[in-house]
C-alpha atoms as a PDB file:
ATOM      1  CA  SER A   1     -44.505 -57.939 -19.199  1.00  0.00           C
ATOM      2  CA  GLU A   2     -42.484 -60.954 -20.310  1.00  0.00           C
ATOM      3  CA  LEU A   3     -40.256 -60.450 -17.291  1.00  0.00           C
ATOM      4  CA  CYS A   4     -43.167 -61.191 -14.957  1.00  0.00           C
ATOM      5  CA  GLY A   5     -45.041 -63.607 -17.219  1.00  0.00           C
ATOM      6  CA  PRO A   6     -47.077 -66.550 -15.961  1.00  0.00           C
ATOM      7  CA  LYS A   7     -44.396 -69.200 -16.624  1.00  0.00           C
ATOM      8  CA  PRO A   8     -40.956 -67.876 -15.649  1.00  0.00           C
ATOM      9  CA  SER A   9     -38.191 -70.322 -14.853  1.00  0.00           C
ATOM     10  CA  PRO A  10     -37.574 -70.673 -11.082  1.00  0.00           C
ATOM     11  CA  LEU A  11     -34.144 -69.053 -11.396  1.00  0.00           C
ATOM     12  CA  ALA A  12     -35.481 -66.124 -13.432  1.00  0.00           C
ATOM     13  CA  TYR A  13     -38.356 -65.581 -11.014  1.00  0.00           C
ATOM     14  CA  THR A  14     -36.090 -65.513  -7.954  1.00  0.00           C
ATOM     15  CA  LYS A  15     -33.803 -63.061  -9.725  1.00  0.00           C
ATOM     16  CA  ASN A  16     -36.701 -60.762 -10.677  1.00  0.00           C
ATOM     17  CA  GLU A  17     -39.158 -61.143  -7.802  1.00  0.00           C
ATOM     18  CA  HIS A  18     -38.244 -57.693  -6.439  1.00  0.00           C
ATOM     19  CA  ILE A  19     -39.637 -56.360  -9.741  1.00  0.00           C
ATOM     20  CA  CYS A  20     -42.561 -58.781 -10.193  1.00  0.00           C
ATOM     21  CA  GLY A  21     -43.536 -59.087  -6.534  1.00  0.00           C
ATOM     22  CA  ARG A  22     -43.922 -61.951  -4.113  1.00  0.00           C
ATOM     23  CA  PRO A  23     -47.584 -62.255  -3.054  1.00  0.00           C
ATOM     24  CA  LEU A  24     -47.802 -64.348   0.103  1.00  0.00           C
ATOM     25  CA  GLY A  25     -51.283 -63.626   1.443  1.00  0.00           C
ATOM     26  CA  LEU A  26     -54.579 -63.212  -0.425  1.00  0.00           C
ATOM     27  CA  ARG A  27     -58.051 -62.470   0.957  1.00  0.00           C
ATOM     28  CA  PHE A  28     -61.335 -61.369  -0.567  1.00  0.00           C
ATOM     29  CA  ASP A  29     -63.478 -58.796   1.182  1.00  0.00           C
ATOM     30  CA  LYS A  30     -66.809 -60.613   1.061  1.00  0.00           C
ATOM     31  CA  LYS A  31     -68.815 -57.375   1.137  1.00  0.00           C
ATOM     32  CA  THR A  32     -67.008 -55.457  -1.616  1.00  0.00           C
ATOM     33  CA  GLY A  33     -65.438 -58.200  -3.729  1.00  0.00           C
ATOM     34  CA  ASP A  34     -62.028 -56.521  -3.428  1.00  0.00           C
ATOM     35  CA  LEU A  35     -58.989 -58.801  -3.424  1.00  0.00           C
ATOM     36  CA  TYR A  36     -56.346 -57.780  -0.880  1.00  0.00           C
ATOM     37  CA  ILE A  37     -52.753 -58.887  -1.409  1.00  0.00           C
ATOM     38  CA  ALA A  38     -49.915 -59.065   1.122  1.00  0.00           C
ATOM     39  CA  ASP A  39     -46.742 -58.840  -0.957  1.00  0.00           C
ATOM     40  CA  ALA A  40     -43.243 -59.226   0.501  1.00  0.00           C
ATOM     41  CA  TYR A  41     -41.888 -56.444  -1.726  1.00  0.00           C
ATOM     42  CA  PHE A  42     -44.851 -54.138  -2.355  1.00  0.00           C
ATOM     43  CA  GLY A  43     -46.681 -54.215   0.983  1.00  0.00           C
ATOM     44  CA  LEU A  44     -50.471 -54.266   1.130  1.00  0.00           C
ATOM     45  CA  MET A  45     -52.268 -53.929  -2.207  1.00  0.00           C
ATOM     46  CA  LYS A  46     -55.809 -54.250  -3.559  1.00  0.00           C
ATOM     47  CA  VAL A  47     -57.519 -55.256  -6.801  1.00  0.00           C
ATOM     48  CA  GLY A  48     -61.140 -54.216  -7.251  1.00  0.00           C
ATOM     49  CA  PRO A  49     -63.887 -56.634  -8.315  1.00  0.00           C
ATOM     50  CA  GLU A  50     -63.563 -55.386 -11.897  1.00  0.00           C
ATOM     51  CA  GLY A  51     -59.947 -56.680 -12.043  1.00  0.00           C
ATOM     52  CA  GLY A  52     -56.949 -54.796 -13.371  1.00  0.00           C
ATOM     53  CA  LEU A  53     -53.628 -53.973 -11.784  1.00  0.00           C
ATOM     54  CA  ALA A  54     -53.152 -54.065  -8.028  1.00  0.00           C
ATOM     55  CA  LYS A  55     -53.142 -50.661  -6.346  1.00  0.00           C
ATOM     56  CA  PRO A  56     -50.752 -50.056  -3.439  1.00  0.00           C
ATOM     57  CA  LEU A  57     -52.442 -49.291  -0.115  1.00  0.00           C
ATOM     58  CA  VAL A  58     -49.682 -49.422   2.513  1.00  0.00           C
ATOM     59  CA  LYS A  59     -45.919 -49.406   1.914  1.00  0.00           C
ATOM     60  CA  GLU A  60     -44.807 -48.084   5.300  1.00  0.00           C
ATOM     61  CA  VAL A  61     -46.051 -47.640   8.850  1.00  0.00           C
ATOM     62  CA  GLU A  62     -45.010 -44.581  10.888  1.00  0.00           C
ATOM     63  CA  GLY A  63     -42.265 -43.857   8.354  1.00  0.00           C
ATOM     64  CA  VAL A  64     -40.804 -47.381   8.486  1.00  0.00           C
ATOM     65  CA  PRO A  65     -40.970 -49.294   5.180  1.00  0.00           C
ATOM     66  CA  LEU A  66     -42.671 -52.682   5.213  1.00  0.00           C
ATOM     67  CA  MET A  67     -40.059 -55.343   4.480  1.00  0.00           C
ATOM     68  CA  PHE A  68     -41.840 -58.719   4.512  1.00  0.00           C
ATOM     69  CA  THR A  69     -45.611 -58.316   4.377  1.00  0.00           C
ATOM     70  CA  ASN A  70     -46.712 -61.927   4.455  1.00  0.00           C
ATOM     71  CA  ASP A  71     -50.372 -62.350   5.375  1.00  0.00           C
ATOM     72  CA  LEU A  72     -53.618 -60.562   6.116  1.00  0.00           C
ATOM     73  CA  ASP A  73     -57.168 -60.996   7.307  1.00  0.00           C
ATOM     74  CA  ILE A  74     -60.354 -58.965   6.991  1.00  0.00           C
ATOM     75  CA  ASP A  75     -62.920 -58.825   9.782  1.00  0.00           C
ATOM     76  CA  ASP A  76     -66.703 -58.637   9.395  1.00  0.00           C
ATOM     77  CA  ASP A  77     -66.585 -54.818   9.504  1.00  0.00           C
ATOM     78  CA  GLY A  78     -64.052 -54.647   6.645  1.00  0.00           C
ATOM     79  CA  ALA A  79     -61.012 -53.754   8.779  1.00  0.00           C
ATOM     80  CA  VAL A  80     -57.833 -55.222   7.301  1.00  0.00           C
ATOM     81  CA  TYR A  81     -55.135 -56.680   9.561  1.00  0.00           C
ATOM     82  CA  PHE A  82     -51.769 -57.661   8.138  1.00  0.00           C
ATOM     83  CA  THR A  83     -48.410 -58.942   9.313  1.00  0.00           C
ATOM     84  CA  ASP A  84     -44.946 -57.758   8.391  1.00  0.00           C
ATOM     85  CA  SER A  85     -42.563 -60.333   9.812  1.00  0.00           C
ATOM     86  CA  SER A  86     -39.189 -58.639   9.280  1.00  0.00           C
ATOM     87  CA  SER A  87     -37.726 -55.176   9.388  1.00  0.00           C
ATOM     88  CA  VAL A  88     -34.569 -56.395   7.612  1.00  0.00           C
ATOM     89  CA  PHE A  89     -35.227 -59.212   5.120  1.00  0.00           C
ATOM     90  CA  GLN A  90     -37.597 -59.606   2.164  1.00  0.00           C
ATOM     91  CA  ARG A  91     -36.911 -63.326   1.644  1.00  0.00           C
END
């Protein structure tokens, strides 16, 4: 959408990032070609090698919403590890 376009003004982006997302960590799974995204607002997401929209994978852990998912890594077996550095703030 225009709201989340590729060239928003800095003020508009900050105002709308809860809608557009704030991707902070990106990693490719070398075996599958999937792109994993750690997003401060949307948690852990994935885009397949064919592209398209990101699909949510994890938004909460043990009933607690993720609040600042900021990075991830993928080991040689394909296990994904991610960090969520706040239970209060998304910025």
